[in-house]
Protein backbone atom coordinates (compact mmCIF):
# COMPACT_ATOMS: atom_id res chain seq x y z
CA UNK A 1 92.72 96.78 100.53
CA UNK A 2 95.29 95.93 98.10
CA UNK A 3 98.32 92.95 97.05
CA UNK A 4 101.11 92.86 95.66
CA UNK A 5 102.74 90.27 92.73
CA UNK A 6 103.17 86.88 94.20
CA UNK A 7 106.71 87.43 94.33
CA UNK A 8 108.12 85.63 97.98
CA UNK A 9 109.71 82.57 97.82
CA UNK A 10 108.51 80.24 100.81
CA UNK A 11 108.29 76.60 101.68
CA UNK A 12 108.08 76.03 97.71
CA UNK A 13 105.81 78.06 96.56
CA UNK A 14 105.56 81.80 96.13
CA UNK A 15 103.50 84.40 98.17
CA UNK A 16 102.00 87.77 98.01
CA UNK A 17 101.03 90.11 100.60
CA UNK A 18 96.99 91.74 100.83
CA UNK A 19 97.08 94.41 103.00
CA UNK A 20 94.85 97.35 103.88
CA UNK A 21 95.79 101.01 104.42
CA UNK A 22 92.22 101.56 106.33
CA UNK A 23 92.36 99.02 108.40
CA UNK A 24 92.85 95.77 110.32
CA UNK A 25 89.31 95.02 110.24
CA UNK A 26 88.78 95.59 106.54
CA UNK A 27 91.69 93.80 106.09
CA UNK A 28 90.23 90.21 108.78
CA UNK A 29 86.80 90.42 106.61
CA UNK A 30 88.28 90.99 103.06
CA UNK A 31 90.64 87.62 104.22
CA UNK A 32 87.63 86.02 106.14
CA UNK A 33 85.42 86.33 103.38
CA UNK A 34 88.34 84.82 100.90
CA UNK A 35 88.30 81.56 103.19
CA UNK A 36 91.98 82.47 104.46
CA UNK A 37 93.05 81.31 107.28
CA UNK A 38 94.05 83.46 110.21
CA UNK A 39 97.68 82.16 110.61
CA UNK A 40 98.14 83.91 107.66
CA UNK A 41 98.26 87.37 109.20
CA UNK A 42 101.79 88.52 110.26
CA UNK A 43 101.85 92.01 112.16
CA UNK A 44 99.93 94.16 109.47
CA UNK A 45 99.26 91.98 106.11
CA UNK A 46 98.13 88.31 105.31
CA UNK A 47 100.77 86.13 103.64
CA UNK A 48 98.56 84.63 100.30
CA UNK A 49 99.72 82.04 98.24
CA UNK A 50 100.05 82.57 94.52
CA UNK A 51 97.60 80.33 93.36
CA UNK A 52 95.26 82.74 95.38
CA UNK A 53 96.49 85.98 93.47
CA UNK A 54 93.94 85.93 90.85
CA UNK A 55 91.01 85.44 93.43
CA UNK A 56 91.78 88.40 95.69
CA UNK A 57 92.25 90.81 92.53
CA UNK A 58 88.52 88.98 91.80
CA UNK A 59 87.38 90.46 94.54
CA UNK A 60 88.22 93.76 94.89
CA UNK A 61 91.67 93.50 96.02
CA UNK A 62 94.00 96.44 94.13
CA UNK A 63 96.93 94.89 92.93
CA UNK A 64 100.24 97.48 93.37
CA UNK A 65 103.80 96.93 94.06
CA UNK A 66 105.71 95.45 96.78
CA UNK A 67 106.89 99.09 98.19
CA UNK A 68 103.21 100.53 97.39
CA UNK A 69 101.82 98.92 100.00
CA UNK A 70 104.95 99.68 102.75
CA UNK A 71 104.08 103.14 101.77
CA UNK A 72 100.64 103.43 101.78
CA UNK A 73 100.55 101.09 105.66
CA UNK A 74 102.88 103.98 106.48
CA UNK A 75 100.55 106.31 105.64
CA UNK A 76 97.88 105.39 107.24
CA UNK A 77 99.88 104.45 110.45
CA UNK A 78 99.48 100.08 110.18
CA UNK A 79 102.61 99.72 109.52
CA UNK A 80 104.09 97.28 112.38
CA UNK A 81 107.40 96.58 111.59
CA UNK A 82 109.23 93.63 113.10
CA UNK A 83 111.33 94.24 115.97
CA UNK A 84 114.67 94.32 116.83
């Protein structure tokens, strides 16, 4: 499990991305355990508000750079880019 720093502004808040390079099942289970609503799932990651960043790390998410999430998702075959 990995999370990037909260550096995406949206709707007056800063957001992180929570992702797994193992499986979507692992990602969904982790998010459920943290109480993250399913509506936070976006193709291959969950959008996590900045105030939950430290909680995600305490629960076992590895802090990584945003670019690392993309690289690791691609390597694992789990990247789902936006449709064009």
